[in-house]
């Protein structure tokens, strides 16, 4: 796998309520060399509050869909309804162990940029995470090219 270079001040936000899944994702990201760029949140409320106050420009939000307090769909809807956060144009993808067809439809109605299921094997999970990150590091989108300071 090629080396991933994450821009300074561009954390990758991972919203995952399961501590075991957080540990697995940390290990995957460690193996692809980006563990220093991760910020973990265990529910949508916490990441929403972080997004409202941070001056950083997150590279990407990787979010589980099924969580207590505020699930991933609610989080995405809150971001879309907040003019300040929507203007940040932070790419948002779902990365979940399971999803119903209704959840996938709703996610795309809310303009999610991707929906992935977590792989069963560590190596496949690593390949998928690398692919996702590589894509967003190459992609030109408002958050990546904007000189606006938030």
C-alpha atoms as a PDB file:
ATOM      1  CA  UNK A   1       0.000   0.000   0.000  1.00  0.00           C
ATOM      2  CA  UNK A   2       1.173   3.488  -0.764  1.00  0.00           C
ATOM      3  CA  UNK A   3       2.009   5.987   1.962  1.00  0.00           C
ATOM      4  CA  UNK A   4      -0.851   8.258   3.023  1.00  0.00           C
ATOM      5  CA  UNK A   5       0.091  11.851   3.790  1.00  0.00           C
ATOM      6  CA  UNK A   6      -2.533  13.550   5.950  1.00  0.00           C
ATOM      7  CA  UNK A   7      -2.419  17.376   5.905  1.00  0.00           C
ATOM      8  CA  UNK A   8      -1.633  19.147   9.169  1.00  0.00           C
ATOM      9  CA  UNK A   9      -4.669  20.380  11.096  1.00  0.00           C
ATOM     10  CA  UNK A  10      -6.877  17.847   9.243  1.00  0.00           C
ATOM     11  CA  UNK A  11      -7.950  15.146  11.687  1.00  0.00           C
ATOM     12  CA  UNK A  12      -9.980  12.138  10.678  1.00  0.00           C
ATOM     13  CA  UNK A  13     -13.040  11.967  12.914  1.00  0.00           C
ATOM     14  CA  UNK A  14     -14.253   8.484  13.752  1.00  0.00           C
ATOM     15  CA  UNK A  15     -17.650   8.254  15.400  1.00  0.00           C
ATOM     16  CA  UNK A  16     -17.976   4.766  16.896  1.00  0.00           C
ATOM     17  CA  UNK A  17     -19.669   3.752  20.120  1.00  0.00           C
ATOM     18  CA  UNK A  18     -18.242   0.222  20.383  1.00  0.00           C
ATOM     19  CA  UNK A  19     -14.860   0.199  22.220  1.00  0.00           C
ATOM     20  CA  UNK A  20     -13.820  -3.045  20.484  1.00  0.00           C
ATOM     21  CA  UNK A  21     -14.507  -1.542  17.051  1.00  0.00           C
ATOM     22  CA  UNK A  22     -12.581   1.573  18.080  1.00  0.00           C
ATOM     23  CA  UNK A  23      -9.585  -0.607  19.015  1.00  0.00           C
ATOM     24  CA  UNK A  24      -9.752  -2.476  15.703  1.00  0.00           C
ATOM     25  CA  UNK A  25      -9.954   0.776  13.745  1.00  0.00           C
ATOM     26  CA  UNK A  26      -7.005   2.173  15.725  1.00  0.00           C
ATOM     27  CA  UNK A  27      -4.976  -0.928  14.839  1.00  0.00           C
ATOM     28  CA  UNK A  28      -5.957  -0.711  11.169  1.00  0.00           C
ATOM     29  CA  UNK A  29      -5.022   2.972  11.045  1.00  0.00           C
ATOM     30  CA  UNK A  30      -1.762   2.286  12.856  1.00  0.00           C
ATOM     31  CA  UNK A  31      -0.815  -0.251  10.195  1.00  0.00           C
ATOM     32  CA  UNK A  32      -1.473   2.231   7.406  1.00  0.00           C
ATOM     33  CA  UNK A  33       0.459   4.942   9.257  1.00  0.00           C
ATOM     34  CA  UNK A  34      -2.230   7.471  10.180  1.00  0.00           C
ATOM     35  CA  UNK A  35      -2.958   6.776  13.859  1.00  0.00           C
ATOM     36  CA  UNK A  36      -1.738  10.236  14.895  1.00  0.00           C
ATOM     37  CA  UNK A  37      -4.492  11.898  12.858  1.00  0.00           C
ATOM     38  CA  UNK A  38      -7.488  10.190  14.459  1.00  0.00           C
ATOM     39  CA  UNK A  39     -10.029  11.688  16.815  1.00  0.00           C
ATOM     40  CA  UNK A  40     -12.551   9.237  18.251  1.00  0.00           C
ATOM     41  CA  UNK A  41     -16.041  10.087  19.484  1.00  0.00           C
ATOM     42  CA  UNK A  42     -18.447   7.572  20.996  1.00  0.00           C
ATOM     43  CA  UNK A  43     -21.661   9.353  20.022  1.00  0.00           C
ATOM     44  CA  UNK A  44     -23.055  11.875  17.573  1.00  0.00           C
ATOM     45  CA  UNK A  45     -23.678  14.549  20.195  1.00  0.00           C
ATOM     46  CA  UNK A  46     -19.991  14.782  21.087  1.00  0.00           C
ATOM     47  CA  UNK A  47     -18.763  15.069  17.512  1.00  0.00           C
ATOM     48  CA  UNK A  48     -21.479  17.617  16.680  1.00  0.00           C
ATOM     49  CA  UNK A  49     -20.357  19.839  19.563  1.00  0.00           C
ATOM     50  CA  UNK A  50     -16.700  19.406  18.558  1.00  0.00           C
ATOM     51  CA  UNK A  51     -17.490  20.412  14.960  1.00  0.00           C
ATOM     52  CA  UNK A  52     -19.265  23.544  16.101  1.00  0.00           C
ATOM     53  CA  UNK A  53     -16.270  24.808  18.104  1.00  0.00           C
ATOM     54  CA  UNK A  54     -13.135  23.511  16.341  1.00  0.00           C
ATOM     55  CA  UNK A  55     -10.932  25.627  14.107  1.00  0.00           C
ATOM     56  CA  UNK A  56      -9.438  22.510  12.516  1.00  0.00           C
ATOM     57  CA  UNK A  57     -10.539  21.373   9.062  1.00  0.00           C
ATOM     58  CA  UNK A  58     -11.312  17.668   9.422  1.00  0.00           C
ATOM     59  CA  UNK A  59     -10.353  15.578   6.421  1.00  0.00           C
ATOM     60  CA  UNK A  60     -13.253  13.192   6.846  1.00  0.00           C
ATOM     61  CA  UNK A  61     -15.961  11.972   9.189  1.00  0.00           C
ATOM     62  CA  UNK A  62     -16.207   8.179   9.375  1.00  0.00           C
ATOM     63  CA  UNK A  63     -19.352   7.299  11.270  1.00  0.00           C
ATOM     64  CA  UNK A  64     -21.121   4.218  12.528  1.00  0.00           C
ATOM     65  CA  UNK A  65     -24.842   4.316  11.835  1.00  0.00           C
ATOM     66  CA  UNK A  66     -26.305   2.576  14.894  1.00  0.00           C
ATOM     67  CA  UNK A  67     -25.408   4.442  18.080  1.00  0.00           C
ATOM     68  CA  UNK A  68     -27.205   5.564  21.237  1.00  0.00           C
ATOM     69  CA  UNK A  69     -28.111   9.213  21.975  1.00  0.00           C
ATOM     70  CA  UNK A  70     -27.685  10.459  18.397  1.00  0.00           C
ATOM     71  CA  UNK A  71     -27.290   7.878  15.653  1.00  0.00           C
ATOM     72  CA  UNK A  72     -25.298   8.480  12.484  1.00  0.00           C
ATOM     73  CA  UNK A  73     -28.300   9.484  10.394  1.00  0.00           C
ATOM     74  CA  UNK A  74     -29.341  12.046  12.998  1.00  0.00           C
ATOM     75  CA  UNK A  75     -25.785  13.394  13.124  1.00  0.00           C
ATOM     76  CA  UNK A  76     -25.646  13.837   9.366  1.00  0.00           C
ATOM     77  CA  UNK A  77     -29.052  15.517   9.409  1.00  0.00           C
ATOM     78  CA  UNK A  78     -27.919  17.903  12.191  1.00  0.00           C
ATOM     79  CA  UNK A  79     -24.787  18.802  10.214  1.00  0.00           C
ATOM     80  CA  UNK A  80     -26.840  19.421   7.062  1.00  0.00           C
ATOM     81  CA  UNK A  81     -29.266  21.643   8.992  1.00  0.00           C
ATOM     82  CA  UNK A  82     -26.518  23.754  10.558  1.00  0.00           C
ATOM     83  CA  UNK A  83     -25.466  26.456   8.066  1.00  0.00           C
ATOM     84  CA  UNK A  84     -22.009  26.878   9.656  1.00  0.00           C
ATOM     85  CA  UNK A  85     -21.225  23.141   9.596  1.00  0.00           C
ATOM     86  CA  UNK A  86     -22.713  22.520   6.175  1.00  0.00           C
ATOM     87  CA  UNK A  87     -20.493  25.279   4.783  1.00  0.00           C
ATOM     88  CA  UNK A  88     -17.417  23.422   6.068  1.00  0.00           C
ATOM     89  CA  UNK A  89     -18.142  20.681   3.472  1.00  0.00           C
ATOM     90  CA  UNK A  90     -16.543  17.902   5.499  1.00  0.00           C
ATOM     91  CA  UNK A  91     -16.867  14.598   3.643  1.00  0.00           C
ATOM     92  CA  UNK A  92     -19.072  12.202   5.617  1.00  0.00           C
ATOM     93  CA  UNK A  93     -19.184   8.447   5.146  1.00  0.00           C
ATOM     94  CA  UNK A  94     -20.859   5.648   7.011  1.00  0.00           C
ATOM     95  CA  UNK A  95     -18.811   2.644   8.072  1.00  0.00           C
ATOM     96  CA  UNK A  96     -21.039   0.163   9.843  1.00  0.00           C
ATOM     97  CA  UNK A  97     -21.334  -3.522  10.667  1.00  0.00           C
ATOM     98  CA  UNK A  98     -24.889  -3.659   9.347  1.00  0.00           C
ATOM     99  CA  UNK A  99     -27.368  -1.470   7.522  1.00  0.00           C
ATOM    100  CA  UNK A 100     -30.916  -1.909   6.367  1.00  0.00           C
ATOM    101  CA  UNK A 101     -31.944  -0.865   2.861  1.00  0.00           C
ATOM    102  CA  UNK A 102     -34.002   1.917   4.468  1.00  0.00           C
ATOM    103  CA  UNK A 103     -30.911   3.238   6.309  1.00  0.00           C
ATOM    104  CA  UNK A 104     -28.845   3.226   3.116  1.00  0.00           C
ATOM    105  CA  UNK A 105     -31.622   5.066   1.211  1.00  0.00           C
ATOM    106  CA  UNK A 106     -31.983   7.623   4.009  1.00  0.00           C
ATOM    107  CA  UNK A 107     -28.213   8.154   4.157  1.00  0.00           C
ATOM    108  CA  UNK A 108     -28.100   9.053   0.471  1.00  0.00           C
ATOM    109  CA  UNK A 109     -31.172  11.268   0.797  1.00  0.00           C
ATOM    110  CA  UNK A 110     -29.083  13.160   3.360  1.00  0.00           C
ATOM    111  CA  UNK A 111     -26.228  13.316   0.789  1.00  0.00           C
ATOM    112  CA  UNK A 112     -23.758  10.980   2.487  1.00  0.00           C
ATOM    113  CA  UNK A 113     -20.600  10.622   0.385  1.00  0.00           C
ATOM    114  CA  UNK A 114     -20.245   6.877   0.907  1.00  0.00           C
ATOM    115  CA  UNK A 115     -21.618   3.896   2.773  1.00  0.00           C
ATOM    116  CA  UNK A 116     -19.342   0.969   3.589  1.00  0.00           C
ATOM    117  CA  UNK A 117     -19.817  -2.195   5.600  1.00  0.00           C
ATOM    118  CA  UNK A 118     -17.019  -3.208   7.944  1.00  0.00           C
ATOM    119  CA  UNK A 119     -15.157  -6.204   6.640  1.00  0.00           C
ATOM    120  CA  UNK A 120     -14.887  -9.419   8.635  1.00  0.00           C
ATOM    121  CA  UNK A 121     -11.142  -9.810   8.184  1.00  0.00           C
ATOM    122  CA  UNK A 122      -8.508  -7.405   9.459  1.00  0.00           C
ATOM    123  CA  UNK A 123      -6.727  -7.348   6.083  1.00  0.00           C
ATOM    124  CA  UNK A 124      -9.930  -6.541   4.180  1.00  0.00           C
ATOM    125  CA  UNK A 125     -10.817  -3.855   6.714  1.00  0.00           C
ATOM    126  CA  UNK A 126      -7.351  -2.360   6.241  1.00  0.00           C
ATOM    127  CA  UNK A 127      -7.732  -2.366   2.437  1.00  0.00           C
ATOM    128  CA  UNK A 128     -11.128  -0.694   2.666  1.00  0.00           C
ATOM    129  CA  UNK A 129      -9.920   1.993   5.080  1.00  0.00           C
ATOM    130  CA  UNK A 130      -6.869   2.664   2.903  1.00  0.00           C
ATOM    131  CA  UNK A 131      -9.087   2.962  -0.186  1.00  0.00           C
ATOM    132  CA  UNK A 132     -11.457   5.395   1.547  1.00  0.00           C
ATOM    133  CA  UNK A 133      -8.651   7.601   2.830  1.00  0.00           C
ATOM    134  CA  UNK A 134      -6.700   7.520  -0.408  1.00  0.00           C
ATOM    135  CA  UNK A 135      -9.813   8.626  -2.315  1.00  0.00           C
ATOM    136  CA  UNK A 136     -10.517  11.583  -0.009  1.00  0.00           C
ATOM    137  CA  UNK A 137      -6.877  12.666   0.034  1.00  0.00           C
ATOM    138  CA  UNK A 138      -6.945  12.850  -3.786  1.00  0.00           C
ATOM    139  CA  UNK A 139     -10.434  14.324  -4.114  1.00  0.00           C
ATOM    140  CA  UNK A 140     -10.938  18.055  -4.603  1.00  0.00           C
ATOM    141  CA  UNK A 141     -13.886  19.288  -2.576  1.00  0.00           C
ATOM    142  CA  UNK A 142     -14.633  22.613  -0.872  1.00  0.00           C
ATOM    143  CA  UNK A 143     -13.085  21.623   2.451  1.00  0.00           C
ATOM    144  CA  UNK A 144      -9.851  20.540   0.735  1.00  0.00           C
ATOM    145  CA  UNK A 145      -9.341  23.632  -1.434  1.00  0.00           C
ATOM    146  CA  UNK A 146     -10.954  26.379   0.623  1.00  0.00           C
ATOM    147  CA  UNK A 147      -8.823  29.035   2.244  1.00  0.00           C
ATOM    148  CA  UNK A 148     -11.676  30.048   4.532  1.00  0.00           C
ATOM    149  CA  UNK A 149     -10.718  29.958   8.192  1.00  0.00           C
ATOM    150  CA  UNK A 150     -13.543  28.671  10.358  1.00  0.00           C
END
